[in-house]
Amino acid sequence: MTVSAQKQRTRCGSWRTFEQRFQPMPAPNHDLLWEVRGEVPADADYRYWWTVVDCDGRLYVTPGLRFVNRFAYIRCAVQWSDEDERQPDYVYE
């Protein structure tokens, strides 16, 4: 089997797993992604928020409010834990 025919392995979790575990909630505009410009309330509990980041042309979801390479935010009904912060990110699909 050639290298190009091998399935690329990643340590990232799937979008389906992310949706089932954390239950993303829609933004005020009924889209899943929250705009980057100031829509996250200042008093928001950061453990309910995830950041969609752009890494080499692929989008990943990482826990918390990040600022570098951010694309958008996602608010979830279930908060993430300290263990989730140490785990690999999720692929945004």
Foldseek 3Di string as FASTA:
>chain_A
DDPVPDDDDDQAAEPVVVCVPFPWDADPVRHQWAQPPPPQDPPDDQQQKWFFFADPNFTWTAGGDDDPRTDTMIGTPHGDDPVSNVGHIYGDD
